[in-house]
Amino acid sequence: MPPGFAHAKLVPELLVADLAASLRFWCGLCGFAVAYDRPEDGFAYLARDGVQVMLEEAFRPGRRWITAPLERPFGRGVNLQMQLPAIGPVLAALQAAAHPLYLPLEEKWYRAGSQDAGVRQFIVQDPDGYLLRFQESLGRRPMA
């Protein structure tokens, strides 16, 4: 594990069809690093700027927690919000690779209690169809 690494209290574990393809997307395009892995199990634990996710190759022998037949896109009904200090580098890498965006870059303000919280964000699908919403904060303001 990298120096100073600490496990987050909630970490999604995503089943993937091809771990190598997922690592090319998550690490190569989205800037995550492998904190540790178990190649013999088809498993990798990724981290970037405090965001953590586990990837596990689904169609391998061994222990897998699959509750229903897996059909693409995986993770239907779920989008993973990841707040980064800056989303520009991820967006630039995706654009350079001609990887399509599910939701183009936008600025959006959401009511959060008695204030509005602003974000700059876009959504992309990973190779298995998981929706990934990358955000950076625009700060808070009084409710509009």
N, C-alpha and C. Protein backbone atom coordinates (compact mmCIF):
# COMPACT_ATOMS: atom_id res chain seq x y z
N MET A 1 0.85 -1.19 0.00
CA MET A 1 0.00 0.00 0.00
C MET A 1 0.89 1.24 0.00
N PRO A 2 0.41 2.31 -0.63
CA PRO A 2 1.20 3.55 -0.65
C PRO A 2 1.35 4.14 0.75
N PRO A 3 2.42 4.88 1.00
CA PRO A 3 2.59 5.52 2.32
C PRO A 3 1.40 6.42 2.62
N GLY A 4 0.93 6.40 3.86
CA GLY A 4 -0.16 7.26 4.28
C GLY A 4 -1.53 6.79 3.84
N PHE A 5 -1.62 5.64 3.17
CA PHE A 5 -2.91 5.13 2.70
C PHE A 5 -3.77 4.71 3.88
N ALA A 6 -5.03 5.10 3.86
CA ALA A 6 -5.99 4.66 4.87
C ALA A 6 -7.27 4.27 4.14
N HIS A 7 -7.86 3.17 4.53
CA HIS A 7 -9.10 2.72 3.91
C HIS A 7 -10.24 3.68 4.24
N ALA A 8 -11.05 4.00 3.24
CA ALA A 8 -12.26 4.80 3.46
C ALA A 8 -13.28 3.93 4.20
N LYS A 9 -14.26 4.57 4.82
CA LYS A 9 -15.26 3.82 5.57
C LYS A 9 -16.33 3.19 4.68
N LEU A 10 -16.48 3.68 3.46
CA LEU A 10 -17.39 3.07 2.50
C LEU A 10 -16.67 3.00 1.16
N VAL A 11 -16.51 1.79 0.64
CA VAL A 11 -15.80 1.59 -0.62
C VAL A 11 -16.63 0.65 -1.49
N PRO A 12 -17.12 1.12 -2.64
CA PRO A 12 -17.86 0.21 -3.51
C PRO A 12 -16.92 -0.81 -4.15
N GLU A 13 -17.43 -2.02 -4.31
CA GLU A 13 -16.71 -3.06 -5.03
C GLU A 13 -17.51 -3.38 -6.28
N LEU A 14 -16.92 -3.12 -7.44
CA LEU A 14 -17.61 -3.26 -8.71
C LEU A 14 -17.16 -4.53 -9.41
N LEU A 15 -18.12 -5.35 -9.83
CA LEU A 15 -17.80 -6.50 -10.65
C LEU A 15 -17.56 -6.02 -12.07
N VAL A 16 -16.50 -6.50 -12.69
CA VAL A 16 -16.14 -6.09 -14.04
C VAL A 16 -15.93 -7.33 -14.90
N ALA A 17 -16.13 -7.17 -16.20
CA ALA A 17 -15.96 -8.31 -17.12
C ALA A 17 -14.49 -8.58 -17.42
N ASP A 18 -13.68 -7.52 -17.52
CA ASP A 18 -12.27 -7.65 -17.91
C ASP A 18 -11.46 -6.67 -17.06
N LEU A 19 -10.79 -7.20 -16.06
CA LEU A 19 -10.05 -6.33 -15.13
C LEU A 19 -8.99 -5.50 -15.85
N ALA A 20 -8.29 -6.08 -16.81
CA ALA A 20 -7.25 -5.32 -17.52
C ALA A 20 -7.86 -4.12 -18.25
N ALA A 21 -8.99 -4.32 -18.91
CA ALA A 21 -9.66 -3.20 -19.60
C ALA A 21 -10.13 -2.16 -18.60
N SER A 22 -10.65 -2.60 -17.47
CA SER A 22 -11.10 -1.66 -16.44
C SER A 22 -9.94 -0.86 -15.88
N LEU A 23 -8.81 -1.51 -15.66
CA LEU A 23 -7.63 -0.79 -15.15
C LEU A 23 -7.12 0.22 -16.17
N ARG A 24 -7.18 -0.10 -17.45
CA ARG A 24 -6.76 0.87 -18.47
C ARG A 24 -7.66 2.11 -18.39
N PHE A 25 -8.96 1.92 -18.17
CA PHE A 25 -9.88 3.05 -18.06
C PHE A 25 -9.66 3.80 -16.74
N TRP A 26 -9.79 3.09 -15.62
CA TRP A 26 -9.74 3.74 -14.30
C TRP A 26 -8.37 4.37 -14.02
N CYS A 27 -7.31 3.67 -14.31
CA CYS A 27 -5.96 4.18 -14.02
C CYS A 27 -5.42 5.01 -15.18
N GLY A 28 -5.53 4.48 -16.39
CA GLY A 28 -4.96 5.16 -17.54
C GLY A 28 -5.67 6.46 -17.89
N LEU A 29 -7.01 6.46 -17.87
CA LEU A 29 -7.75 7.66 -18.26
C LEU A 29 -8.19 8.51 -17.07
N CYS A 30 -8.60 7.86 -15.98
CA CYS A 30 -9.19 8.60 -14.85
C CYS A 30 -8.19 8.90 -13.74
N GLY A 31 -6.96 8.46 -13.86
CA GLY A 31 -5.91 8.86 -12.93
C GLY A 31 -5.88 8.15 -11.59
N PHE A 32 -6.60 7.04 -11.46
CA PHE A 32 -6.52 6.28 -10.22
C PHE A 32 -5.22 5.49 -10.19
N ALA A 33 -4.80 5.11 -8.99
CA ALA A 33 -3.61 4.27 -8.82
C ALA A 33 -4.04 2.99 -8.10
N VAL A 34 -3.34 1.92 -8.37
CA VAL A 34 -3.60 0.66 -7.67
C VAL A 34 -2.95 0.76 -6.29
N ALA A 35 -3.77 0.78 -5.26
CA ALA A 35 -3.24 0.79 -3.89
C ALA A 35 -2.68 -0.59 -3.55
N TYR A 36 -3.41 -1.63 -3.96
CA TYR A 36 -2.93 -3.00 -3.87
C TYR A 36 -3.82 -3.87 -4.74
N ASP A 37 -3.33 -5.03 -5.07
CA ASP A 37 -4.12 -5.93 -5.91
C ASP A 37 -3.83 -7.38 -5.55
N ARG A 38 -4.68 -8.25 -6.06
CA ARG A 38 -4.49 -9.68 -5.97
C ARG A 38 -4.77 -10.24 -7.37
N PRO A 39 -3.78 -10.20 -8.24
CA PRO A 39 -4.00 -10.65 -9.62
C PRO A 39 -4.55 -12.07 -9.71
N GLU A 40 -4.13 -12.93 -8.79
CA GLU A 40 -4.60 -14.32 -8.82
C GLU A 40 -6.11 -14.42 -8.58
N ASP A 41 -6.70 -13.38 -7.96
CA ASP A 41 -8.14 -13.33 -7.71
C ASP A 41 -8.87 -12.41 -8.68
N GLY A 42 -8.12 -11.74 -9.57
CA GLY A 42 -8.76 -10.78 -10.47
C GLY A 42 -9.29 -9.58 -9.72
N PHE A 43 -8.51 -9.07 -8.75
CA PHE A 43 -8.95 -8.01 -7.85
C PHE A 43 -7.94 -6.88 -7.81
N ALA A 44 -8.45 -5.64 -7.76
CA ALA A 44 -7.59 -4.47 -7.57
C ALA A 44 -8.32 -3.43 -6.72
N TYR A 45 -7.59 -2.81 -5.80
CA TYR A 45 -8.11 -1.75 -4.94
C TYR A 45 -7.48 -0.45 -5.44
N LEU A 46 -8.33 0.49 -5.88
CA LEU A 46 -7.84 1.72 -6.49
C LEU A 46 -8.10 2.93 -5.60
N ALA A 47 -7.27 3.95 -5.76
CA ALA A 47 -7.42 5.17 -4.97
C ALA A 47 -6.97 6.38 -5.78
N ARG A 48 -7.65 7.51 -5.51
CA ARG A 48 -7.25 8.79 -6.09
C ARG A 48 -7.87 9.90 -5.25
N ASP A 49 -7.04 10.78 -4.71
CA ASP A 49 -7.51 11.96 -3.97
C ASP A 49 -8.57 11.63 -2.94
N GLY A 50 -8.39 10.53 -2.21
CA GLY A 50 -9.33 10.14 -1.16
C GLY A 50 -10.52 9.33 -1.65
N VAL A 51 -10.69 9.19 -2.98
CA VAL A 51 -11.74 8.37 -3.55
C VAL A 51 -11.19 6.96 -3.71
N GLN A 52 -11.95 5.96 -3.29
CA GLN A 52 -11.49 4.58 -3.37
C GLN A 52 -12.57 3.69 -3.98
N VAL A 53 -12.14 2.70 -4.73
CA VAL A 53 -13.05 1.74 -5.35
C VAL A 53 -12.31 0.42 -5.52
N MET A 54 -13.04 -0.67 -5.37
CA MET A 54 -12.48 -2.00 -5.61
C MET A 54 -13.07 -2.54 -6.90
N LEU A 55 -12.24 -3.19 -7.71
CA LEU A 55 -12.68 -3.83 -8.93
C LEU A 55 -12.40 -5.33 -8.82
N GLU A 56 -13.39 -6.14 -9.22
CA GLU A 56 -13.22 -7.59 -9.16
C GLU A 56 -13.77 -8.19 -10.45
N GLU A 57 -12.95 -9.00 -11.09
CA GLU A 57 -13.37 -9.64 -12.32
C GLU A 57 -14.46 -10.67 -11.99
N ALA A 58 -15.60 -10.54 -12.63
CA ALA A 58 -16.79 -11.31 -12.26
C ALA A 58 -16.76 -12.76 -12.71
N PHE A 59 -16.26 -13.01 -13.89
CA PHE A 59 -16.44 -14.33 -14.49
C PHE A 59 -15.21 -15.20 -14.33
N ARG A 60 -14.75 -15.33 -13.10
CA ARG A 60 -13.60 -16.17 -12.76
C ARG A 60 -14.06 -17.19 -11.75
N PRO A 61 -13.35 -18.28 -11.64
CA PRO A 61 -13.69 -19.22 -10.57
C PRO A 61 -13.36 -18.59 -9.22
N GLY A 62 -13.97 -19.10 -8.21
CA GLY A 62 -13.70 -18.62 -6.86
C GLY A 62 -14.91 -17.92 -6.28
N ARG A 63 -14.70 -17.30 -5.18
CA ARG A 63 -15.77 -16.68 -4.41
C ARG A 63 -16.22 -15.38 -5.05
N ARG A 64 -17.45 -15.31 -5.49
CA ARG A 64 -18.04 -14.11 -6.06
C ARG A 64 -19.43 -13.95 -5.48
N TRP A 65 -19.80 -12.74 -5.13
CA TRP A 65 -21.12 -12.48 -4.56
C TRP A 65 -22.02 -11.90 -5.65
N ILE A 66 -22.63 -12.77 -6.39
CA ILE A 66 -23.48 -12.37 -7.50
C ILE A 66 -24.91 -12.79 -7.16
N THR A 67 -25.80 -11.82 -7.05
CA THR A 67 -27.16 -12.08 -6.59
C THR A 67 -28.16 -12.32 -7.71
N ALA A 68 -27.76 -12.04 -8.95
CA ALA A 68 -28.63 -12.24 -10.11
C ALA A 68 -27.74 -12.31 -11.34
N PRO A 69 -28.28 -12.77 -12.46
CA PRO A 69 -27.46 -12.81 -13.68
C PRO A 69 -26.93 -11.41 -14.02
N LEU A 70 -25.66 -11.35 -14.39
CA LEU A 70 -25.05 -10.07 -14.75
C LEU A 70 -25.30 -9.79 -16.22
N GLU A 71 -25.89 -8.64 -16.50
CA GLU A 71 -26.12 -8.19 -17.86
C GLU A 71 -25.61 -6.77 -17.95
N ARG A 72 -25.02 -6.44 -19.09
CA ARG A 72 -24.55 -5.07 -19.29
C ARG A 72 -25.72 -4.16 -19.59
N PRO A 73 -25.68 -2.93 -19.17
CA PRO A 73 -24.63 -2.36 -18.35
C PRO A 73 -24.77 -2.80 -16.90
N PHE A 74 -23.63 -3.05 -16.27
CA PHE A 74 -23.64 -3.41 -14.85
C PHE A 74 -24.01 -2.17 -14.04
N GLY A 75 -24.43 -2.37 -12.82
CA GLY A 75 -24.68 -1.25 -11.91
C GLY A 75 -25.85 -0.38 -12.29
N ARG A 76 -26.86 -0.95 -12.91
CA ARG A 76 -28.02 -0.15 -13.31
C ARG A 76 -28.64 0.53 -12.10
N GLY A 77 -28.97 1.79 -12.28
CA GLY A 77 -29.61 2.53 -11.20
C GLY A 77 -28.64 3.16 -10.21
N VAL A 78 -27.36 2.98 -10.43
CA VAL A 78 -26.35 3.53 -9.51
C VAL A 78 -25.44 4.45 -10.30
N ASN A 79 -25.15 5.62 -9.73
CA ASN A 79 -24.05 6.42 -10.27
C ASN A 79 -23.15 6.78 -9.11
N LEU A 80 -21.88 6.70 -9.34
CA LEU A 80 -20.89 6.94 -8.29
C LEU A 80 -20.36 8.36 -8.43
N GLN A 81 -20.62 9.17 -7.41
CA GLN A 81 -20.14 10.55 -7.39
C GLN A 81 -18.75 10.58 -6.76
N MET A 82 -17.81 11.20 -7.47
CA MET A 82 -16.44 11.29 -6.99
C MET A 82 -16.00 12.73 -7.02
N GLN A 83 -15.76 13.30 -5.85
CA GLN A 83 -15.33 14.69 -5.77
C GLN A 83 -13.81 14.74 -5.79
N LEU A 84 -13.26 15.45 -6.77
CA LEU A 84 -11.82 15.61 -6.91
C LEU A 84 -11.48 17.09 -6.79
N PRO A 85 -10.23 17.41 -6.46
CA PRO A 85 -9.83 18.82 -6.40
C PRO A 85 -10.00 19.51 -7.76
N ALA A 86 -9.75 18.75 -8.85
CA ALA A 86 -9.89 19.30 -10.20
C ALA A 86 -10.26 18.17 -11.14
N ILE A 87 -11.32 18.36 -11.93
CA ILE A 87 -11.75 17.31 -12.86
C ILE A 87 -11.19 17.51 -14.27
N GLY A 88 -10.56 18.65 -14.51
CA GLY A 88 -10.02 18.95 -15.83
C GLY A 88 -9.09 17.89 -16.38
N PRO A 89 -8.13 17.38 -15.59
CA PRO A 89 -7.23 16.36 -16.12
C PRO A 89 -7.95 15.07 -16.55
N VAL A 90 -8.95 14.66 -15.79
CA VAL A 90 -9.70 13.46 -16.17
C VAL A 90 -10.47 13.72 -17.46
N LEU A 91 -11.14 14.86 -17.53
CA LEU A 91 -11.90 15.21 -18.72
C LEU A 91 -10.99 15.27 -19.95
N ALA A 92 -9.82 15.88 -19.82
CA ALA A 92 -8.88 15.99 -20.94
C ALA A 92 -8.41 14.62 -21.40
N ALA A 93 -8.12 13.72 -20.46
CA ALA A 93 -7.67 12.37 -20.84
C ALA A 93 -8.78 11.61 -21.56
N LEU A 94 -10.01 11.74 -21.09
CA LEU A 94 -11.13 11.07 -21.75
C LEU A 94 -11.34 11.61 -23.16
N GLN A 95 -11.26 12.94 -23.29
CA GLN A 95 -11.44 13.55 -24.60
C GLN A 95 -10.32 13.15 -25.56
N ALA A 96 -9.08 13.11 -25.07
CA ALA A 96 -7.95 12.72 -25.91
C ALA A 96 -8.10 11.28 -26.40
N ALA A 97 -8.74 10.43 -25.60
CA ALA A 97 -8.97 9.03 -25.98
C ALA A 97 -10.28 8.87 -26.75
N ALA A 98 -10.97 9.97 -27.03
CA ALA A 98 -12.27 9.95 -27.72
C ALA A 98 -13.28 9.07 -27.00
N HIS A 99 -13.20 9.03 -25.67
CA HIS A 99 -14.15 8.26 -24.87
C HIS A 99 -15.41 9.11 -24.68
N PRO A 100 -16.57 8.62 -25.07
CA PRO A 100 -17.78 9.45 -25.01
C PRO A 100 -18.21 9.75 -23.58
N LEU A 101 -18.80 10.92 -23.40
CA LEU A 101 -19.36 11.31 -22.11
C LEU A 101 -20.85 10.98 -22.11
N TYR A 102 -21.34 10.56 -20.97
CA TYR A 102 -22.77 10.30 -20.80
C TYR A 102 -23.51 11.61 -20.57
N LEU A 103 -22.89 12.50 -19.77
CA LEU A 103 -23.41 13.86 -19.53
C LEU A 103 -22.23 14.81 -19.72
N PRO A 104 -22.35 15.76 -20.65
CA PRO A 104 -21.23 16.68 -20.88
C PRO A 104 -20.96 17.56 -19.66
N LEU A 105 -19.82 18.18 -19.67
CA LEU A 105 -19.42 19.07 -18.59
C LEU A 105 -20.49 20.13 -18.36
N GLU A 106 -20.84 20.34 -17.10
CA GLU A 106 -21.82 21.36 -16.73
C GLU A 106 -21.48 21.94 -15.36
N GLU A 107 -22.04 23.10 -15.10
CA GLU A 107 -22.03 23.67 -13.75
C GLU A 107 -23.44 23.57 -13.23
N LYS A 108 -23.58 23.06 -12.02
CA LYS A 108 -24.90 22.81 -11.46
C LYS A 108 -24.90 23.19 -9.98
N TRP A 109 -26.01 23.78 -9.54
CA TRP A 109 -26.18 24.14 -8.14
C TRP A 109 -27.31 23.30 -7.56
N TYR A 110 -27.05 22.68 -6.41
CA TYR A 110 -28.02 21.82 -5.74
C TYR A 110 -28.34 22.40 -4.37
N ARG A 111 -29.60 22.34 -3.98
CA ARG A 111 -29.98 22.77 -2.64
C ARG A 111 -29.40 21.77 -1.65
N ALA A 112 -28.70 22.28 -0.64
CA ALA A 112 -28.09 21.45 0.40
C ALA A 112 -28.39 22.11 1.74
N GLY A 113 -29.49 21.72 2.35
CA GLY A 113 -29.90 22.37 3.58
C GLY A 113 -30.37 23.78 3.29
N SER A 114 -29.78 24.75 3.96
CA SER A 114 -30.19 26.14 3.78
C SER A 114 -29.31 26.89 2.79
N GLN A 115 -28.46 26.17 2.05
CA GLN A 115 -27.57 26.79 1.06
C GLN A 115 -27.66 26.04 -0.26
N ASP A 116 -27.07 26.62 -1.27
CA ASP A 116 -26.87 25.93 -2.54
C ASP A 116 -25.40 25.54 -2.62
N ALA A 117 -25.16 24.30 -3.06
CA ALA A 117 -23.79 23.80 -3.26
C ALA A 117 -23.56 23.68 -4.76
N GLY A 118 -22.49 24.31 -5.24
CA GLY A 118 -22.20 24.30 -6.66
C GLY A 118 -21.13 23.29 -7.02
N VAL A 119 -21.31 22.67 -8.19
CA VAL A 119 -20.32 21.73 -8.68
C VAL A 119 -20.13 21.92 -10.18
N ARG A 120 -18.96 21.62 -10.62
CA ARG A 120 -18.64 21.47 -12.03
C ARG A 120 -18.51 19.97 -12.20
N GLN A 121 -19.24 19.39 -13.17
CA GLN A 121 -19.30 17.93 -13.22
C GLN A 121 -19.54 17.42 -14.64
N PHE A 122 -19.22 16.13 -14.81
CA PHE A 122 -19.59 15.40 -16.01
C PHE A 122 -19.76 13.94 -15.60
N ILE A 123 -20.45 13.18 -16.47
CA ILE A 123 -20.66 11.76 -16.20
C ILE A 123 -20.13 10.96 -17.39
N VAL A 124 -19.45 9.88 -17.06
CA VAL A 124 -18.90 8.97 -18.07
C VAL A 124 -19.23 7.54 -17.63
N GLN A 125 -19.34 6.64 -18.61
CA GLN A 125 -19.52 5.23 -18.30
C GLN A 125 -18.18 4.52 -18.42
N ASP A 126 -17.90 3.63 -17.46
CA ASP A 126 -16.69 2.83 -17.55
C ASP A 126 -16.93 1.68 -18.52
N PRO A 127 -15.94 0.82 -18.78
CA PRO A 127 -16.13 -0.24 -19.77
C PRO A 127 -17.29 -1.19 -19.50
N ASP A 128 -17.74 -1.29 -18.25
CA ASP A 128 -18.86 -2.17 -17.91
C ASP A 128 -20.18 -1.43 -17.78
N GLY A 129 -20.18 -0.13 -18.05
CA GLY A 129 -21.41 0.65 -18.02
C GLY A 129 -21.73 1.33 -16.70
N TYR A 130 -20.83 1.25 -15.71
CA TYR A 130 -21.06 1.97 -14.46
C TYR A 130 -21.00 3.46 -14.75
N LEU A 131 -21.95 4.22 -14.19
CA LEU A 131 -21.95 5.67 -14.36
C LEU A 131 -21.05 6.30 -13.31
N LEU A 132 -20.10 7.09 -13.75
CA LEU A 132 -19.15 7.77 -12.86
C LEU A 132 -19.33 9.26 -13.01
N ARG A 133 -19.72 9.92 -11.92
CA ARG A 133 -19.93 11.37 -11.94
C ARG A 133 -18.75 12.04 -11.25
N PHE A 134 -17.88 12.65 -12.05
CA PHE A 134 -16.72 13.37 -11.53
C PHE A 134 -17.13 14.81 -11.27
N GLN A 135 -16.82 15.30 -10.06
CA GLN A 135 -17.20 16.65 -9.65
C GLN A 135 -16.02 17.38 -9.03
N GLU A 136 -16.06 18.72 -9.16
CA GLU A 136 -15.23 19.59 -8.34
C GLU A 136 -16.14 20.67 -7.79
N SER A 137 -15.83 21.13 -6.60
CA SER A 137 -16.70 22.07 -5.91
C SER A 137 -16.57 23.49 -6.49
N LEU A 138 -17.70 24.16 -6.58
CA LEU A 138 -17.73 25.59 -6.89
C LEU A 138 -18.03 26.42 -5.64
N GLY A 139 -18.15 25.72 -4.52
CA GLY A 139 -18.42 26.40 -3.25
C GLY A 139 -19.90 26.39 -2.90
N ARG A 140 -20.25 27.22 -1.94
CA ARG A 140 -21.63 27.32 -1.46
C ARG A 140 -22.08 28.76 -1.56
N ARG A 141 -23.39 28.96 -1.64
CA ARG A 141 -23.96 30.29 -1.69
C ARG A 141 -25.34 30.24 -1.04
N PRO A 142 -25.88 31.42 -0.67
CA PRO A 142 -27.24 31.42 -0.15
C PRO A 142 -28.19 30.84 -1.19
N MET A 143 -29.25 30.21 -0.73
CA MET A 143 -30.21 29.60 -1.65
C MET A 143 -30.74 30.64 -2.62
N ALA A 144 -30.87 30.24 -3.87
CA ALA A 144 -31.38 31.15 -4.91
C ALA A 144 -32.88 31.37 -4.72
